[in-house]
Protein backbone atom coordinates (compact mmCIF):
# COMPACT_ATOMS: atom_id res chain seq x y z
CA MET A 1 95.53 77.75 69.93
CA LYS A 2 97.68 75.44 68.38
CA LEU A 3 95.29 72.25 67.88
CA PHE A 4 97.34 68.59 68.27
CA ASN A 5 100.63 70.20 68.31
CA LYS A 6 101.82 67.30 71.13
CA SER A 7 101.54 63.97 69.56
CA VAL A 8 101.43 62.67 65.78
CA ILE A 9 99.47 59.69 66.98
CA PRO A 10 96.25 61.47 65.49
CA VAL A 11 97.58 61.10 62.17
CA PHE A 12 98.66 57.90 62.34
CA VAL A 13 95.26 56.40 63.84
CA PHE A 14 93.68 58.17 61.01
CA GLY A 15 96.14 56.76 58.28
CA VAL A 16 95.67 53.21 59.58
CA VAL A 17 91.88 54.00 60.01
CA ALA A 18 91.45 55.28 56.19
CA GLY A 19 94.09 52.68 54.56
CA SER A 20 91.50 49.99 56.28
CA ALA A 21 88.24 51.69 55.23
CA MET A 22 89.81 52.02 51.26
CA ASN A 23 90.60 47.99 51.62
CA ILE A 24 86.87 47.17 52.88
CA THR A 25 85.68 49.27 50.06
CA ASN A 26 87.12 47.78 47.42
CA ALA A 27 86.26 44.29 48.39
CA ALA A 28 82.79 45.29 48.30
CA ALA A 29 83.08 46.73 45.02
CA ALA A 30 85.01 43.12 43.64
CA VAL A 31 82.22 41.09 45.29
CA TRP A 32 79.46 43.28 43.60
CA ASP A 33 78.73 42.35 40.27
CA ASP A 34 75.37 42.39 37.86
CA ALA A 35 73.61 39.68 40.10
CA SER A 36 70.07 38.99 39.14
CA ILE A 37 67.47 41.48 40.60
CA THR A 38 65.86 37.94 41.26
CA ASP A 39 68.16 37.82 44.44
CA ILE A 40 67.99 41.18 45.55
CA VAL A 41 64.07 40.70 45.86
CA ASN A 42 64.26 37.72 47.69
CA ASP A 43 67.04 39.33 50.44
CA HIS A 44 64.36 42.40 50.85
CA GLN A 45 62.75 40.43 53.51
CA ASP A 46 66.25 40.27 55.04
CA GLN A 47 66.92 43.72 54.59
CA ILE A 48 63.80 44.67 56.63
CA THR A 49 64.49 42.70 60.00
CA GLN A 50 68.51 44.13 59.80
CA ASN A 51 67.09 47.51 59.30
CA ARG A 52 64.63 46.56 62.61
CA VAL A 53 68.17 45.44 64.19
CA ASP A 54 69.75 48.44 63.34
CA SER A 55 67.31 50.86 64.50
CA ILE A 56 67.54 48.95 68.23
CA ALA A 57 71.75 49.28 67.64
CA ARG A 58 71.57 53.17 67.39
CA ASP A 59 68.70 53.42 70.15
CA LEU A 60 71.48 51.47 72.35
CA SER A 61 74.23 53.90 71.49
CA THR A 62 71.86 57.20 71.78
CA GLU A 63 71.51 55.72 75.69
CA ASN A 64 75.06 54.80 75.83
CA ARG A 65 76.07 58.59 74.50
CA LEU A 66 73.42 59.85 77.44
CA THR A 67 75.09 57.96 80.13
CA GLN A 68 78.30 59.44 79.07
CA VAL A 69 76.89 62.84 79.11
CA ASP A 70 75.52 62.07 82.57
CA SER A 71 79.04 60.53 83.92
CA ASP A 72 80.67 64.07 82.36
CA LEU A 73 77.76 66.29 84.41
CA GLN A 74 78.88 64.28 87.55
CA SER A 75 82.68 64.88 87.11
CA THR A 76 81.70 68.70 86.56
CA LYS A 77 79.97 68.85 90.15
CA LEU A 78 83.11 67.07 91.46
CA GLY A 79 85.06 69.83 90.51
CA VAL A 80 83.03 72.74 91.71
CA LEU A 81 82.61 71.14 94.83
CA VAL A 82 86.61 71.19 94.83
CA ILE A 83 86.30 75.05 93.94
CA GLU A 84 84.30 75.58 97.24
CA GLN A 85 86.30 74.01 99.05
CA ALA A 86 89.12 76.44 98.13
CA THR A 87 86.85 79.12 98.34
CA ASN A 88 85.76 78.04 101.86
CA ASP A 89 89.35 77.92 102.86
CA ALA A 90 89.99 81.40 101.84
CA TYR A 91 87.53 82.61 103.86
CA GLN A 92 88.84 80.85 107.21
CA LYS A 93 92.41 82.66 106.50
CA ALA A 94 90.65 85.91 105.57
CA LEU A 95 89.06 85.28 109.39
CA LEU A 96 92.13 84.78 111.07
CA ALA A 97 94.25 87.49 109.23
CA GLY A 98 91.20 90.00 110.56
CA ALA A 99 91.38 88.53 114.13
CA LEU A 100 95.14 89.41 114.08
CA ALA A 101 94.80 92.68 112.56
CA ASP A 102 92.35 93.80 115.52
CA THR A 103 94.55 92.48 118.09
CA ALA A 104 97.21 94.90 116.49
CA ASN A 105 95.03 97.79 116.53
CA GLN A 106 94.11 96.75 119.98
CA LYS A 107 97.90 97.09 121.05
CA SER A 108 98.40 100.39 118.95
CA ASP A 109 95.04 102.21 120.45
CA ALA A 110 96.54 101.05 124.07
CA ALA A 111 99.96 102.96 123.12
CA LEU A 112 98.55 106.08 122.07
CA GLN A 113 96.73 106.33 125.04
CA GLY A 114 99.69 105.80 126.96
CA VAL A 115 101.62 108.43 125.47
CA MET A 116 98.71 110.90 125.61
CA THR A 117 98.56 110.30 129.24
CA ASN A 118 102.24 110.75 129.39
CA GLY A 119 102.54 113.67 127.48
CA THR A 120 99.41 115.45 129.97
CA GLU A 121 101.77 114.61 133.07
CA ILE A 122 104.59 116.26 131.35
CA ILE A 123 102.59 119.46 130.66
CA ASN A 124 101.47 119.44 134.26
CA MET A 125 105.22 119.23 135.31
CA GLU A 126 106.15 121.99 133.16
CA ASN A 127 103.24 124.52 134.53
CA VAL A 128 104.67 123.46 137.97
CA ASN A 129 108.22 124.47 136.63
CA LYS A 130 107.18 127.33 135.34
CA VAL A 131 105.25 128.50 138.63
CA GLN A 132 108.64 127.92 140.22
CA ASP A 133 110.71 129.78 138.16
CA ASN A 134 108.05 132.77 138.80
CA ARG A 135 108.74 132.81 142.42
CA LEU A 136 112.46 132.54 141.88
CA ASP A 137 112.40 135.47 139.35
CA SER A 138 110.14 137.38 142.24
CA LEU A 139 112.59 136.83 144.85
CA GLU A 140 115.58 137.80 142.78
CA ASN A 141 113.71 141.11 141.38
CA ALA A 142 112.45 141.68 145.15
CA PRO A 143 113.87 145.08 146.62
CA LYS A 144 117.34 145.00 148.22
CA PRO A 145 116.97 145.45 152.32
CA THR A 146 118.48 148.68 153.26
CA ASN A 147 120.24 149.97 156.54
CA GLY A 148 118.77 153.05 157.79
CA VAL A 149 115.99 155.46 156.41
CA ASP A 150 117.74 157.12 153.92
CA GLY A 151 119.18 153.54 152.25
CA LYS A 152 122.58 153.81 152.44
CA ASP A 153 124.94 151.48 153.28
CA GLY A 154 125.15 149.83 156.98
CA LYS A 155 127.71 151.40 159.61
CA ASP A 156 130.29 148.82 158.93
CA GLY A 157 130.21 149.96 155.14
CA VAL A 158 129.98 146.29 153.92
CA THR A 159 127.27 145.49 151.14
CA THR A 160 125.39 142.34 151.29
CA THR A 161 123.49 140.67 148.75
CA VAL A 162 121.23 137.93 149.13
CA THR A 163 120.73 135.56 146.50
CA HIS A 164 118.16 132.72 147.03
CA MET A 165 117.45 129.93 144.76
CA GLN A 166 115.05 126.85 145.23
CA VAL A 167 115.85 123.27 143.40
CA ASP A 168 112.47 120.77 143.45
CA ALA A 169 114.64 117.26 142.98
CA ALA A 170 111.83 115.52 143.15
CA THR A 171 110.06 117.12 140.14
CA GLN A 172 113.09 117.10 138.34
CA THR A 173 113.30 112.94 138.54
CA LYS A 174 109.45 113.00 138.00
CA VAL A 175 109.63 114.65 134.65
CA ALA A 176 112.92 112.70 133.93
CA ASN A 177 111.08 109.63 134.25
CA ASN A 178 108.40 110.60 132.47
CA THR A 179 110.04 111.64 129.56
CA GLN A 180 111.61 107.87 129.45
CA ALA A 181 108.65 106.43 129.94
CA VAL A 182 107.52 108.34 126.69
CA THR A 183 110.39 107.71 124.50
CA ALA A 184 109.75 103.99 125.62
CA THR A 185 105.86 103.97 124.33
CA ALA A 186 106.78 105.80 121.33
CA GLN A 187 109.20 103.14 120.19
CA GLU A 188 106.80 100.65 121.41
CA LEU A 189 104.15 102.33 119.03
CA GLN A 190 106.41 102.26 116.08
CA ALA A 191 107.23 98.73 116.96
CA THR A 192 103.74 97.89 116.55
CA LYS A 193 102.88 100.05 113.70
CA GLN A 194 105.36 98.16 111.50
CA THR A 195 104.11 94.94 112.92
CA LEU A 196 101.10 95.80 111.66
CA GLN A 197 102.09 96.66 108.18
CA ALA A 198 104.24 93.68 107.67
CA MET A 199 100.85 91.41 108.62
CA ASN A 200 98.79 93.45 106.10
CA ASN A 201 101.46 92.61 103.47
CA ASN A 202 101.55 89.18 104.35
CA THR A 203 98.06 89.03 104.16
CA ASN A 204 97.61 90.75 100.95
CA GLN A 205 100.16 88.36 99.45
CA GLN A 206 98.46 85.62 100.53
CA PHE A 207 94.98 86.65 98.87
CA LYS A 208 96.79 87.26 95.64
CA SER A 209 98.29 83.50 95.60
CA LEU A 210 95.31 82.22 96.66
CA HIS A 211 93.26 84.18 94.04
CA ASP A 212 95.55 83.02 91.03
CA GLU A 213 95.49 79.40 92.23
CA VAL A 214 91.50 79.20 92.20
CA ASP A 215 91.66 81.36 89.09
CA ASN A 216 93.70 78.35 87.15
CA ASN A 217 92.14 75.58 89.06
CA LYS A 218 88.45 76.88 87.78
CA LYS A 219 90.34 77.52 84.02
CA GLN A 220 91.20 73.74 83.90
CA ALA A 221 87.96 72.36 85.01
CA ASN A 222 86.30 74.24 82.96
CA ALA A 223 88.83 73.36 79.46
CA GLY A 224 88.41 70.02 80.55
CA ILE A 225 84.62 69.82 80.70
CA SER A 226 84.57 71.25 76.86
CA GLY A 227 87.26 69.03 76.18
CA ALA A 228 84.68 66.10 77.39
CA MET A 229 81.59 67.54 75.88
CA ALA A 230 83.48 67.95 72.26
CA MET A 231 84.49 64.39 72.19
CA ALA A 232 80.89 63.27 73.27
CA GLY A 233 79.38 65.39 70.59
CA LEU A 234 81.73 63.18 67.72
CA PRO A 235 79.00 61.24 65.42
CA GLN A 236 79.62 57.44 65.08
CA VAL A 237 79.41 54.87 62.15
CA GLN A 238 76.35 53.81 61.04
CA THR A 239 75.37 49.89 60.62
CA ASN A 240 75.25 50.24 56.89
CA GLN A 241 78.37 52.31 56.76
CA HIS A 242 82.43 50.70 57.24
CA VAL A 243 84.19 53.82 58.56
CA MET A 244 83.46 57.71 59.73
CA PHE A 245 86.01 60.31 60.41
CA SER A 246 84.12 63.04 62.53
CA ALA A 247 85.26 66.67 64.21
CA GLY A 248 83.35 68.51 66.76
CA GLY A 249 83.55 71.70 69.00
CA ALA A 250 82.85 72.94 72.34
CA THR A 251 82.94 75.75 74.67
CA TYR A 252 82.14 76.08 78.49
CA ASN A 253 82.35 79.04 80.54
CA ASN A 254 85.04 81.19 78.45
CA GLU A 255 86.94 77.61 78.03
CA SER A 256 86.83 76.15 74.50
CA ALA A 257 88.17 72.68 73.33
CA LEU A 258 88.21 70.91 69.88
CA ALA A 259 88.04 66.74 68.93
CA VAL A 260 88.68 64.39 65.89
CA GLY A 261 87.69 60.65 65.87
CA ALA A 262 87.26 58.00 63.50
CA SER A 263 84.74 55.29 64.17
CA VAL A 264 85.08 51.29 62.53
CA ASN A 265 82.24 48.89 61.96
CA PHE A 266 83.72 45.67 61.67
CA SER A 267 81.08 43.87 61.53
CA SER A 268 76.94 43.93 62.27
CA HIS A 269 77.62 43.36 66.18
CA VAL A 270 81.35 45.27 66.44
CA ILE A 271 82.03 49.24 66.42
CA ALA A 272 85.28 50.68 67.46
CA LYS A 273 85.68 54.02 68.06
CA VAL A 274 88.66 56.64 68.70
CA SER A 275 88.72 60.39 69.58
CA PHE A 276 91.34 62.93 70.68
CA SER A 277 90.77 66.54 72.26
CA ASP A 278 92.57 69.71 72.52
CA ASP A 279 91.23 72.73 74.81
CA THR A 280 92.50 75.87 75.41
CA ALA A 281 94.23 75.78 78.78
CA ASN A 282 97.09 73.32 76.68
CA ASN A 283 95.59 70.00 77.69
CA MET A 284 95.38 66.78 75.74
CA GLY A 285 92.90 64.17 76.07
CA ALA A 286 92.00 60.71 74.04
CA SER A 287 89.44 58.04 74.57
CA VAL A 288 89.07 54.59 72.43
CA GLY A 289 86.06 52.38 72.84
CA VAL A 290 84.78 48.93 71.29
CA GLY A 291 80.91 48.17 71.69
CA MET A 292 79.39 44.89 70.54
CA GLY A 293 75.80 44.49 69.92
CA PHE A 294 73.47 41.75 69.90
């Protein structure tokens, strides 16, 4: 991860804040001299009072940080609800795809049953044709009729050959019709199989696309949470200090973030704070705030 490679704003802010801090420190050093110890002793009681005020300010700052953490947690809950809604949508799509697949399977079963029925009828027709062929063969192979006891030709010398062939036109028509029905049913079954395969491929593609979208949403949400946690964990300047530079890091559900910031104590009642974060999802965040205490 390349931190803060999107902007040079943090470097500029740090330079300005650092320059302000050096000026304040040099001014304090110039004012400080070897004043009498008696003045310090006289101001001791005032310092105790100031320490009490500082303690109250620190307590208030701690309470504000806890409130910020609670707000971050509420934002996290909202992200989880969004992910749950996406999962519910995926489940409804899966139910619809399953219903379509069941309908296609029922059509395939009906078509297959029709093929089996037509096949049985064709077999029966073939058996009838075999019986007819056997009858024709029997007639053709039967002994030829003879004229006279010795089997010689008749008195007129004419040899007569009788050939009998019976054609079952009705059976042939029915077989032809059944053949056409079987062909049409087979074509319908093939079309149904192709439709079912296309539906399965489309369903698989939709599931893959939805899975990738849900994973990306989870990654973005987890990275954003880690960035908020990192900025929330940055320390803040104390009342007896002028400026503080701070850095922090956080991780949440396989995503991480780093944060840097600075806080300036302008007076005993006014504190300003700025912070920046960068996470593993290549997102950058910034925040700024000013606090006044009484």
